[in-house]
């Protein structure tokens, strides 16, 4: 895997680990209807942490593992910031936000073709 793909994959693992530390990782998969929303971040059917766990991380890992083109840009940090604030995740959530911001930077800085993860 090219270096950028390695960084993105490792970031996905760090995000998962941080979500587990914050007890924001769930054991049960949401209903298929919830995962099938067409709104950004499945906003109408999932909490942000659920979208991150069940939609974003699996898709970005599949892209990286297949060395497929990355999205043109990633802008999930603003949604993550809102979610952390809504959940009252104080300072422990800051590391998660930094990891998500770095994911945005790594994806956006990549040479890529159009692709949508939402």
Protein backbone atom coordinates (compact mmCIF):
# COMPACT_ATOMS: atom_id res chain seq x y z
CA UNK A 1 0.00 0.00 0.00
CA UNK A 2 1.28 3.47 -0.75
CA UNK A 3 2.32 5.56 2.24
CA UNK A 4 -0.84 7.71 2.26
CA UNK A 5 -3.01 4.60 2.28
CA UNK A 6 -0.98 3.25 5.20
CA UNK A 7 -1.54 6.47 7.14
CA UNK A 8 -5.27 6.46 6.46
CA UNK A 9 -5.60 2.82 7.46
CA UNK A 10 -3.69 3.39 10.71
CA UNK A 11 -5.83 6.45 11.43
CA UNK A 12 -8.94 4.33 11.01
CA UNK A 13 -7.60 1.92 13.62
CA UNK A 14 -6.72 4.80 15.96
CA UNK A 15 -10.22 6.26 15.54
CA UNK A 16 -11.77 2.89 16.35
CA UNK A 17 -9.56 2.47 19.41
CA UNK A 18 -10.37 5.95 20.65
CA UNK A 19 -14.09 5.36 20.17
CA UNK A 20 -13.76 2.17 22.21
CA UNK A 21 -11.90 4.05 24.94
CA UNK A 22 -14.69 6.64 25.02
CA UNK A 23 -17.30 3.86 25.09
CA UNK A 24 -18.75 5.07 21.80
CA UNK A 25 -18.24 1.78 19.95
CA UNK A 26 -21.35 -0.38 19.69
CA UNK A 27 -21.67 -4.15 19.70
CA UNK A 28 -24.79 -4.47 17.58
CA UNK A 29 -25.23 -3.47 13.97
CA UNK A 30 -28.11 -1.03 13.44
CA UNK A 31 -31.09 -2.14 11.35
CA UNK A 32 -30.52 -2.22 7.59
CA UNK A 33 -33.05 0.60 7.16
CA UNK A 34 -30.92 2.83 9.40
CA UNK A 35 -27.80 2.05 7.38
CA UNK A 36 -29.60 2.73 4.10
CA UNK A 37 -30.35 6.41 4.66
CA UNK A 38 -29.48 8.66 1.75
CA UNK A 39 -28.87 11.74 3.90
CA UNK A 40 -25.29 12.79 4.68
CA UNK A 41 -23.96 10.96 7.72
CA UNK A 42 -27.27 9.01 7.81
CA UNK A 43 -28.26 11.95 9.97
CA UNK A 44 -31.91 10.92 10.08
CA UNK A 45 -31.28 7.35 11.23
CA UNK A 46 -27.89 7.11 13.01
CA UNK A 47 -25.91 8.94 15.64
CA UNK A 48 -22.58 10.25 14.35
CA UNK A 49 -20.59 7.57 16.18
CA UNK A 50 -22.78 4.89 14.58
CA UNK A 51 -22.22 6.36 11.11
CA UNK A 52 -18.49 6.51 11.77
CA UNK A 53 -18.40 2.91 12.99
CA UNK A 54 -20.78 1.23 10.54
CA UNK A 55 -20.45 3.34 7.38
CA UNK A 56 -17.33 5.49 7.21
CA UNK A 57 -14.64 3.27 8.75
CA UNK A 58 -15.60 0.10 6.83
CA UNK A 59 -15.82 2.02 3.53
CA UNK A 60 -12.55 3.89 3.94
CA UNK A 61 -10.80 0.66 4.93
CA UNK A 62 -12.19 -1.08 1.84
CA UNK A 63 -10.94 1.78 -0.34
CA UNK A 64 -7.50 1.62 1.25
CA UNK A 65 -7.23 -2.17 1.18
CA UNK A 66 -8.22 -2.20 -2.49
CA UNK A 67 -6.02 0.81 -3.23
CA UNK A 68 -9.05 2.35 -4.91
CA UNK A 69 -9.23 6.09 -5.56
CA UNK A 70 -9.76 8.14 -2.44
CA UNK A 71 -12.55 10.70 -2.16
CA UNK A 72 -11.71 14.18 -3.46
CA UNK A 73 -12.10 15.57 0.01
CA UNK A 74 -13.24 14.67 3.48
CA UNK A 75 -15.01 17.08 5.77
CA UNK A 76 -16.25 14.95 8.65
CA UNK A 77 -14.53 16.93 11.42
CA UNK A 78 -17.22 19.64 11.65
CA UNK A 79 -19.89 16.98 12.20
CA UNK A 80 -17.64 15.24 14.74
CA UNK A 81 -17.23 18.51 16.63
CA UNK A 82 -21.01 18.97 16.86
CA UNK A 83 -21.45 15.37 18.02
CA UNK A 84 -18.74 15.66 20.71
CA UNK A 85 -20.39 18.83 21.99
CA UNK A 86 -23.89 17.30 21.95
CA UNK A 87 -22.65 14.23 23.83
CA UNK A 88 -20.80 16.34 26.40
CA UNK A 89 -17.58 14.47 25.71
CA UNK A 90 -15.17 16.95 27.23
CA UNK A 91 -11.39 16.66 27.03
CA UNK A 92 -11.31 12.89 26.38
CA UNK A 93 -13.08 13.57 23.09
CA UNK A 94 -10.40 15.95 21.89
CA UNK A 95 -8.07 13.14 20.82
CA UNK A 96 -10.87 11.64 18.75
CA UNK A 97 -11.46 15.02 17.11
CA UNK A 98 -7.76 15.38 16.31
CA UNK A 99 -7.71 11.92 14.72
CA UNK A 100 -10.77 12.76 12.62
CA UNK A 101 -9.24 16.09 11.57
CA UNK A 102 -6.09 14.25 10.53
CA UNK A 103 -8.21 11.78 8.55
CA UNK A 104 -9.80 14.72 6.73
CA UNK A 105 -6.35 16.14 5.96
CA UNK A 106 -4.94 12.84 4.72
CA UNK A 107 -7.89 12.18 2.44
CA UNK A 108 -8.24 15.72 1.14
CA UNK A 109 -4.54 16.06 0.39
CA UNK A 110 -4.53 12.86 -1.65
CA UNK A 111 -4.64 12.88 -5.41
CA UNK A 112 -8.05 11.44 -5.97
CA UNK A 113 -11.05 11.00 -8.16
CA UNK A 114 -14.67 11.67 -7.20
CA UNK A 115 -16.03 9.17 -4.71
CA UNK A 116 -18.56 9.54 -1.98
CA UNK A 117 -18.46 7.83 1.41
CA UNK A 118 -21.74 9.17 2.78
